[in-house]
Amino acid sequence: MVRMWAAYQSRIAGDEGASLVEYSLLVALIAVVALLAVTSFGGNLSEKYSEIAATIP
């Protein structure tokens, strides 16, 4: 019975660790995509905001 309980405990602990790794990889991927989007579109957005600001009296 103790052996079964230990196996159950190790199985539960293993699943939580795997999901933590998966979530951290997902967050890292989202951060990389956001960084790439900001660097690629940042200059264009700055120009557009400047044009809009110039047209406002």
N, C-alpha and C. Protein backbone atom coordinates (compact mmCIF):
# COMPACT_ATOMS: atom_id res chain seq x y z
N MET A 1 0.83 -1.20 0.00
CA MET A 1 0.00 0.00 0.00
C MET A 1 0.87 1.25 0.00
N VAL A 2 1.93 1.22 0.78
CA VAL A 2 2.82 2.37 0.84
C VAL A 2 3.51 2.59 -0.52
N ARG A 3 3.86 1.48 -1.15
CA ARG A 3 4.50 1.57 -2.46
C ARG A 3 3.56 2.19 -3.49
N MET A 4 2.29 1.85 -3.44
CA MET A 4 1.31 2.42 -4.36
C MET A 4 1.14 3.92 -4.10
N TRP A 5 1.12 4.29 -2.83
CA TRP A 5 0.98 5.70 -2.47
C TRP A 5 2.20 6.51 -2.96
N ALA A 6 3.38 5.96 -2.82
CA ALA A 6 4.59 6.63 -3.29
C ALA A 6 4.57 6.78 -4.81
N ALA A 7 4.12 5.76 -5.51
CA ALA A 7 4.02 5.83 -6.97
C ALA A 7 3.01 6.89 -7.38
N TYR A 8 1.91 6.98 -6.67
CA TYR A 8 0.89 7.99 -6.95
C TYR A 8 1.45 9.39 -6.72
N GLN A 9 2.15 9.57 -5.64
CA GLN A 9 2.74 10.88 -5.32
C GLN A 9 3.76 11.29 -6.37
N SER A 10 4.59 10.37 -6.82
CA SER A 10 5.59 10.72 -7.83
C SER A 10 4.93 11.03 -9.17
N ARG A 11 3.85 10.37 -9.48
CA ARG A 11 3.13 10.62 -10.72
C ARG A 11 2.50 12.01 -10.71
N ILE A 12 1.92 12.40 -9.60
CA ILE A 12 1.31 13.72 -9.48
C ILE A 12 2.39 14.80 -9.59
N ALA A 13 3.49 14.62 -8.91
CA ALA A 13 4.57 15.61 -8.93
C ALA A 13 5.15 15.74 -10.33
N GLY A 14 5.25 14.65 -11.07
CA GLY A 14 5.80 14.69 -12.42
C GLY A 14 4.91 15.46 -13.38
N ASP A 15 3.60 15.35 -13.25
CA ASP A 15 2.68 16.05 -14.13
C ASP A 15 2.73 17.55 -13.91
N GLU A 16 2.82 17.98 -12.67
CA GLU A 16 2.86 19.41 -12.40
C GLU A 16 4.13 20.02 -12.96
N GLY A 17 5.23 19.33 -12.85
CA GLY A 17 6.48 19.84 -13.38
C GLY A 17 6.44 19.97 -14.89
N ALA A 18 5.83 19.02 -15.55
CA ALA A 18 5.74 19.07 -17.01
C ALA A 18 4.87 20.23 -17.45
N SER A 19 3.78 20.47 -16.78
CA SER A 19 2.92 21.57 -17.19
C SER A 19 3.59 22.92 -16.91
N LEU A 20 4.41 22.99 -15.87
CA LEU A 20 5.14 24.22 -15.59
C LEU A 20 6.13 24.50 -16.72
N VAL A 21 6.80 23.48 -17.18
CA VAL A 21 7.74 23.64 -18.29
C VAL A 21 6.99 24.06 -19.55
N GLU A 22 5.87 23.46 -19.81
CA GLU A 22 5.10 23.80 -21.00
C GLU A 22 4.62 25.24 -20.95
N TYR A 23 4.13 25.68 -19.80
CA TYR A 23 3.67 27.06 -19.66
C TYR A 23 4.82 28.04 -19.80
N SER A 24 5.97 27.71 -19.26
CA SER A 24 7.11 28.64 -19.37
C SER A 24 7.59 28.72 -20.82
N LEU A 25 7.57 27.61 -21.56
CA LEU A 25 7.92 27.67 -22.97
C LEU A 25 6.91 28.49 -23.77
N LEU A 26 5.65 28.36 -23.42
CA LEU A 26 4.61 29.14 -24.10
C LEU A 26 4.78 30.63 -23.84
N VAL A 27 5.07 31.00 -22.60
CA VAL A 27 5.29 32.40 -22.26
C VAL A 27 6.52 32.94 -22.99
N ALA A 28 7.58 32.14 -23.06
CA ALA A 28 8.79 32.57 -23.76
C ALA A 28 8.50 32.77 -25.25
N LEU A 29 7.73 31.89 -25.86
CA LEU A 29 7.38 32.03 -27.27
C LEU A 29 6.56 33.29 -27.51
N ILE A 30 5.60 33.57 -26.64
CA ILE A 30 4.79 34.78 -26.77
C ILE A 30 5.66 36.02 -26.62
N ALA A 31 6.61 36.00 -25.70
CA ALA A 31 7.50 37.14 -25.51
C ALA A 31 8.36 37.38 -26.75
N VAL A 32 8.86 36.32 -27.35
CA VAL A 32 9.68 36.46 -28.55
C VAL A 32 8.85 37.02 -29.70
N VAL A 33 7.64 36.53 -29.88
CA VAL A 33 6.77 37.02 -30.95
C VAL A 33 6.42 38.50 -30.72
N ALA A 34 6.13 38.87 -29.49
CA ALA A 34 5.82 40.26 -29.18
C ALA A 34 7.02 41.16 -29.43
N LEU A 35 8.19 40.71 -29.05
CA LEU A 35 9.41 41.49 -29.27
C LEU A 35 9.67 41.68 -30.76
N LEU A 36 9.52 40.62 -31.54
CA LEU A 36 9.71 40.73 -32.99
C LEU A 36 8.68 41.67 -33.62
N ALA A 37 7.44 41.61 -33.16
CA ALA A 37 6.40 42.48 -33.70
C ALA A 37 6.70 43.94 -33.37
N VAL A 38 7.14 44.21 -32.17
CA VAL A 38 7.42 45.59 -31.78
C VAL A 38 8.62 46.13 -32.55
N THR A 39 9.65 45.32 -32.71
CA THR A 39 10.83 45.81 -33.43
C THR A 39 10.57 45.98 -34.92
N SER A 40 9.74 45.13 -35.50
CA SER A 40 9.50 45.25 -36.93
C SER A 40 8.48 46.33 -37.27
N PHE A 41 7.48 46.52 -36.44
CA PHE A 41 6.44 47.51 -36.71
C PHE A 41 6.63 48.79 -35.92
N GLY A 42 7.59 48.84 -35.04
CA GLY A 42 7.78 50.02 -34.18
C GLY A 42 8.09 51.28 -34.95
N GLY A 43 8.98 51.19 -35.93
CA GLY A 43 9.32 52.37 -36.73
C GLY A 43 8.14 52.88 -37.53
N ASN A 44 7.39 51.98 -38.12
CA ASN A 44 6.21 52.37 -38.90
C ASN A 44 5.16 53.02 -38.02
N LEU A 45 4.95 52.49 -36.85
CA LEU A 45 3.96 53.07 -35.94
C LEU A 45 4.38 54.45 -35.47
N SER A 46 5.66 54.62 -35.23
CA SER A 46 6.16 55.92 -34.80
C SER A 46 5.93 56.96 -35.89
N GLU A 47 6.18 56.58 -37.13
CA GLU A 47 5.94 57.50 -38.25
C GLU A 47 4.46 57.85 -38.37
N LYS A 48 3.60 56.87 -38.24
CA LYS A 48 2.15 57.11 -38.35
C LYS A 48 1.67 58.02 -37.23
N TYR A 49 2.15 57.79 -36.00
CA TYR A 49 1.77 58.65 -34.89
C TYR A 49 2.25 60.08 -35.11
N SER A 50 3.43 60.22 -35.68
CA SER A 50 3.96 61.55 -35.98
C SER A 50 3.10 62.26 -37.04
N GLU A 51 2.69 61.52 -38.06
CA GLU A 51 1.81 62.09 -39.09
C GLU A 51 0.47 62.52 -38.51
N ILE A 52 -0.08 61.69 -37.65
CA ILE A 52 -1.36 62.01 -37.01
C ILE A 52 -1.22 63.24 -36.12
N ALA A 53 -0.14 63.28 -35.37
CA ALA A 53 0.09 64.42 -34.48
C ALA A 53 0.29 65.71 -35.27
N ALA A 54 0.89 65.60 -36.45
CA ALA A 54 1.12 66.80 -37.26
C ALA A 54 -0.19 67.34 -37.85
N THR A 55 -1.15 66.47 -38.09
CA THR A 55 -2.42 66.93 -38.67
C THR A 55 -3.36 67.53 -37.63
N ILE A 56 -3.14 67.20 -36.37
CA ILE A 56 -4.01 67.75 -35.31
C ILE A 56 -3.56 69.17 -34.99
N PRO A 57 -4.49 70.14 -35.06
CA PRO A 57 -4.09 71.54 -34.79
C PRO A 57 -3.73 71.81 -33.34
